[in-house]
Amino acid sequence: MDAAVELERLLGPDRVRTHPLDRWLFSKDAGISRGETEVVVFPETTDEVAACVRIARRFELTIVARGAGTGLAGGGGPHGFFARGRPDPDEPHLGGG
Protein backbone atom coordinates (compact mmCIF):
# COMPACT_ATOMS: atom_id res chain seq x y z
CA MET A 1 0.00 0.00 0.00
CA ASP A 2 1.34 3.45 -0.81
CA ALA A 3 1.00 6.74 1.05
CA ALA A 4 -1.74 8.11 -1.22
CA VAL A 5 -3.93 5.07 -0.63
CA GLU A 6 -3.56 5.39 3.13
CA LEU A 7 -4.23 9.12 2.99
CA GLU A 8 -7.37 8.57 0.90
CA ARG A 9 -8.55 6.00 3.43
CA LEU A 10 -7.99 8.58 6.19
CA LEU A 11 -9.35 11.73 4.54
CA GLY A 12 -11.48 10.48 1.67
CA PRO A 13 -10.72 10.89 -2.04
CA ASP A 14 -12.13 14.44 -2.16
CA ARG A 15 -9.32 15.69 0.12
CA VAL A 16 -6.36 13.88 -1.46
CA ARG A 17 -4.92 14.89 -4.82
CA THR A 18 -2.58 12.71 -6.88
CA HIS A 19 -3.46 13.71 -10.45
CA PRO A 20 -0.38 15.11 -12.25
CA LEU A 21 -2.09 18.47 -12.92
CA ASP A 22 -3.05 18.87 -9.24
CA ARG A 23 0.47 17.95 -8.17
CA TRP A 24 1.94 20.43 -10.64
CA LEU A 25 -0.36 23.25 -9.48
CA PHE A 26 0.68 22.73 -5.86
CA SER A 27 4.39 22.23 -6.65
CA LYS A 28 5.24 25.93 -6.44
CA ASP A 29 4.25 29.25 -5.00
CA ALA A 30 3.94 32.49 -7.01
CA GLY A 31 7.69 32.44 -7.67
CA ILE A 32 9.49 30.48 -10.38
CA SER A 33 10.91 27.63 -8.29
CA ARG A 34 9.17 24.23 -8.27
CA GLY A 35 9.48 21.08 -6.24
CA GLU A 36 8.29 17.54 -6.86
CA THR A 37 4.98 16.72 -5.21
CA GLU A 38 3.80 13.15 -4.74
CA VAL A 39 0.49 13.85 -3.05
CA VAL A 40 -1.50 16.89 -1.88
CA VAL A 41 -3.77 16.56 1.14
CA PHE A 42 -6.35 18.77 2.80
CA PRO A 43 -6.61 17.79 6.48
CA GLU A 44 -9.22 19.73 8.43
CA THR A 45 -8.57 18.84 12.07
CA THR A 46 -5.56 18.54 14.34
CA ASP A 47 -6.10 14.78 14.55
CA GLU A 48 -6.12 14.51 10.74
CA VAL A 49 -2.89 16.52 10.51
CA ALA A 50 -1.26 14.24 13.10
CA ALA A 51 -2.40 11.14 11.21
CA CYS A 52 -1.08 12.58 7.91
CA VAL A 53 2.28 13.23 9.57
CA ARG A 54 2.44 9.64 10.83
CA ILE A 55 1.71 8.33 7.33
CA ALA A 56 4.28 10.67 5.76
CA ARG A 57 6.93 9.56 8.27
CA ARG A 58 6.21 5.89 7.58
CA PHE A 59 6.75 6.49 3.85
CA GLU A 60 9.69 8.88 4.45
CA LEU A 61 7.95 11.78 2.72
CA THR A 62 8.82 15.40 3.31
CA ILE A 63 5.97 17.58 4.55
CA VAL A 64 5.51 21.19 3.46
CA ALA A 65 2.62 23.09 5.02
CA ARG A 66 1.21 25.59 2.57
CA GLY A 67 -0.66 28.82 2.97
CA ALA A 68 -2.10 30.66 0.00
CA GLY A 69 0.94 30.07 -2.23
CA THR A 70 1.40 33.78 -2.92
CA GLY A 71 5.03 33.99 -1.77
CA LEU A 72 7.81 34.66 -4.26
CA ALA A 73 10.70 32.99 -2.41
CA GLY A 74 9.98 29.34 -3.20
CA GLY A 75 8.77 28.45 0.28
CA GLY A 76 5.68 26.83 -1.21
CA GLY A 77 7.74 24.46 -3.34
CA PRO A 78 7.44 21.00 -1.80
CA HIS A 79 9.53 17.91 -2.27
CA GLY A 80 7.43 14.77 -1.84
CA PHE A 81 4.36 15.52 0.24
CA PHE A 82 2.16 18.54 0.59
CA ALA A 83 -0.34 19.52 3.27
CA ARG A 84 -2.67 22.46 2.97
CA GLY A 85 -5.39 23.09 5.48
CA ARG A 86 -8.63 24.82 4.71
CA PRO A 87 -8.82 27.88 6.95
CA ASP A 88 -11.83 28.03 9.22
CA PRO A 89 -12.93 31.68 9.59
CA ASP A 90 -14.12 30.95 13.14
CA GLU A 91 -10.75 29.57 14.34
CA PRO A 92 -7.90 31.86 15.33
CA HIS A 93 -4.84 31.40 13.17
CA LEU A 94 -1.60 33.04 12.24
CA GLY A 95 -1.61 34.95 8.97
CA GLY A 96 0.90 34.41 6.23
CA GLY A 97 1.17 32.89 2.80
C-alpha atoms as a PDB file:
ATOM      1  CA  MET A   1       0.000   0.000   0.000  1.00  0.00           C
ATOM      2  CA  ASP A   2       1.340   3.452  -0.808  1.00  0.00           C
ATOM      3  CA  ALA A   3       0.995   6.740   1.051  1.00  0.00           C
ATOM      4  CA  ALA A   4      -1.736   8.113  -1.225  1.00  0.00           C
ATOM      5  CA  VAL A   5      -3.929   5.071  -0.634  1.00  0.00           C
ATOM      6  CA  GLU A   6      -3.561   5.392   3.135  1.00  0.00           C
ATOM      7  CA  LEU A   7      -4.228   9.119   2.990  1.00  0.00           C
ATOM      8  CA  GLU A   8      -7.367   8.565   0.905  1.00  0.00           C
ATOM      9  CA  ARG A   9      -8.551   5.999   3.426  1.00  0.00           C
ATOM     10  CA  LEU A  10      -7.993   8.575   6.185  1.00  0.00           C
ATOM     11  CA  LEU A  11      -9.346  11.734   4.537  1.00  0.00           C
ATOM     12  CA  GLY A  12     -11.481  10.481   1.670  1.00  0.00           C
ATOM     13  CA  PRO A  13     -10.724  10.890  -2.039  1.00  0.00           C
ATOM     14  CA  ASP A  14     -12.128  14.435  -2.161  1.00  0.00           C
ATOM     15  CA  ARG A  15      -9.318  15.688   0.125  1.00  0.00           C
ATOM     16  CA  VAL A  16      -6.358  13.876  -1.463  1.00  0.00           C
ATOM     17  CA  ARG A  17      -4.920  14.890  -4.820  1.00  0.00           C
ATOM     18  CA  THR A  18      -2.578  12.710  -6.881  1.00  0.00           C
ATOM     19  CA  HIS A  19      -3.460  13.707 -10.454  1.00  0.00           C
ATOM     20  CA  PRO A  20      -0.383  15.112 -12.248  1.00  0.00           C
ATOM     21  CA  LEU A  21      -2.091  18.469 -12.916  1.00  0.00           C
ATOM     22  CA  ASP A  22      -3.053  18.875  -9.242  1.00  0.00           C
ATOM     23  CA  ARG A  23       0.470  17.950  -8.173  1.00  0.00           C
ATOM     24  CA  TRP A  24       1.941  20.432 -10.644  1.00  0.00           C
ATOM     25  CA  LEU A  25      -0.362  23.246  -9.481  1.00  0.00           C
ATOM     26  CA  PHE A  26       0.681  22.734  -5.856  1.00  0.00           C
ATOM     27  CA  SER A  27       4.388  22.229  -6.646  1.00  0.00           C
ATOM     28  CA  LYS A  28       5.244  25.932  -6.445  1.00  0.00           C
ATOM     29  CA  ASP A  29       4.247  29.252  -5.002  1.00  0.00           C
ATOM     30  CA  ALA A  30       3.938  32.485  -7.009  1.00  0.00           C
ATOM     31  CA  GLY A  31       7.694  32.438  -7.667  1.00  0.00           C
ATOM     32  CA  ILE A  32       9.488  30.481 -10.382  1.00  0.00           C
ATOM     33  CA  SER A  33      10.909  27.625  -8.290  1.00  0.00           C
ATOM     34  CA  ARG A  34       9.172  24.234  -8.272  1.00  0.00           C
ATOM     35  CA  GLY A  35       9.479  21.078  -6.236  1.00  0.00           C
ATOM     36  CA  GLU A  36       8.293  17.541  -6.862  1.00  0.00           C
ATOM     37  CA  THR A  37       4.977  16.722  -5.214  1.00  0.00           C
ATOM     38  CA  GLU A  38       3.803  13.154  -4.743  1.00  0.00           C
ATOM     39  CA  VAL A  39       0.492  13.850  -3.048  1.00  0.00           C
ATOM     40  CA  VAL A  40      -1.497  16.891  -1.881  1.00  0.00           C
ATOM     41  CA  VAL A  41      -3.765  16.559   1.143  1.00  0.00           C
ATOM     42  CA  PHE A  42      -6.355  18.773   2.803  1.00  0.00           C
ATOM     43  CA  PRO A  43      -6.613  17.787   6.484  1.00  0.00           C
ATOM     44  CA  GLU A  44      -9.225  19.733   8.428  1.00  0.00           C
ATOM     45  CA  THR A  45      -8.568  18.836  12.069  1.00  0.00           C
ATOM     46  CA  THR A  46      -5.563  18.539  14.340  1.00  0.00           C
ATOM     47  CA  ASP A  47      -6.103  14.784  14.545  1.00  0.00           C
ATOM     48  CA  GLU A  48      -6.120  14.513  10.744  1.00  0.00           C
ATOM     49  CA  VAL A  49      -2.891  16.516  10.505  1.00  0.00           C
ATOM     50  CA  ALA A  50      -1.260  14.241  13.097  1.00  0.00           C
ATOM     51  CA  ALA A  51      -2.403  11.137  11.207  1.00  0.00           C
ATOM     52  CA  CYS A  52      -1.084  12.579   7.913  1.00  0.00           C
ATOM     53  CA  VAL A  53       2.278  13.234   9.574  1.00  0.00           C
ATOM     54  CA  ARG A  54       2.435   9.639  10.833  1.00  0.00           C
ATOM     55  CA  ILE A  55       1.711   8.329   7.328  1.00  0.00           C
ATOM     56  CA  ALA A  56       4.277  10.669   5.760  1.00  0.00           C
ATOM     57  CA  ARG A  57       6.929   9.561   8.266  1.00  0.00           C
ATOM     58  CA  ARG A  58       6.212   5.890   7.581  1.00  0.00           C
ATOM     59  CA  PHE A  59       6.754   6.492   3.853  1.00  0.00           C
ATOM     60  CA  GLU A  60       9.691   8.884   4.452  1.00  0.00           C
ATOM     61  CA  LEU A  61       7.947  11.777   2.717  1.00  0.00           C
ATOM     62  CA  THR A  62       8.823  15.400   3.314  1.00  0.00           C
ATOM     63  CA  ILE A  63       5.970  17.581   4.547  1.00  0.00           C
ATOM     64  CA  VAL A  64       5.507  21.190   3.460  1.00  0.00           C
ATOM     65  CA  ALA A  65       2.623  23.086   5.021  1.00  0.00           C
ATOM     66  CA  ARG A  66       1.210  25.591   2.569  1.00  0.00           C
ATOM     67  CA  GLY A  67      -0.658  28.817   2.967  1.00  0.00           C
ATOM     68  CA  ALA A  68      -2.100  30.663   0.000  1.00  0.00           C
ATOM     69  CA  GLY A  69       0.944  30.070  -2.225  1.00  0.00           C
ATOM     70  CA  THR A  70       1.399  33.779  -2.923  1.00  0.00           C
ATOM     71  CA  GLY A  71       5.028  33.995  -1.772  1.00  0.00           C
ATOM     72  CA  LEU A  72       7.813  34.657  -4.264  1.00  0.00           C
ATOM     73  CA  ALA A  73      10.704  32.990  -2.407  1.00  0.00           C
ATOM     74  CA  GLY A  74       9.980  29.339  -3.203  1.00  0.00           C
ATOM     75  CA  GLY A  75       8.767  28.453   0.281  1.00  0.00           C
ATOM     76  CA  GLY A  76       5.683  26.827  -1.207  1.00  0.00           C
ATOM     77  CA  GLY A  77       7.741  24.461  -3.342  1.00  0.00           C
ATOM     78  CA  PRO A  78       7.444  20.995  -1.804  1.00  0.00           C
ATOM     79  CA  HIS A  79       9.532  17.914  -2.275  1.00  0.00           C
ATOM     80  CA  GLY A  80       7.434  14.773  -1.842  1.00  0.00           C
ATOM     81  CA  PHE A  81       4.358  15.520   0.236  1.00  0.00           C
ATOM     82  CA  PHE A  82       2.158  18.536   0.593  1.00  0.00           C
ATOM     83  CA  ALA A  83      -0.345  19.525   3.266  1.00  0.00           C
ATOM     84  CA  ARG A  84      -2.673  22.461   2.969  1.00  0.00           C
ATOM     85  CA  GLY A  85      -5.393  23.089   5.483  1.00  0.00           C
ATOM     86  CA  ARG A  86      -8.633  24.824   4.707  1.00  0.00           C
ATOM     87  CA  PRO A  87      -8.823  27.880   6.948  1.00  0.00           C
ATOM     88  CA  ASP A  88     -11.833  28.028   9.224  1.00  0.00           C
ATOM     89  CA  PRO A  89     -12.932  31.675   9.588  1.00  0.00           C
ATOM     90  CA  ASP A  90     -14.120  30.952  13.141  1.00  0.00           C
ATOM     91  CA  GLU A  91     -10.754  29.568  14.336  1.00  0.00           C
ATOM     92  CA  PRO A  92      -7.897  31.865  15.334  1.00  0.00           C
ATOM     93  CA  HIS A  93      -4.839  31.398  13.169  1.00  0.00           C
ATOM     94  CA  LEU A  94      -1.600  33.044  12.235  1.00  0.00           C
ATOM     95  CA  GLY A  95      -1.607  34.952   8.971  1.00  0.00           C
ATOM     96  CA  GLY A  96       0.900  34.413   6.231  1.00  0.00           C
ATOM     97  CA  GLY A  97       1.172  32.886   2.800  1.00  0.00           C
END
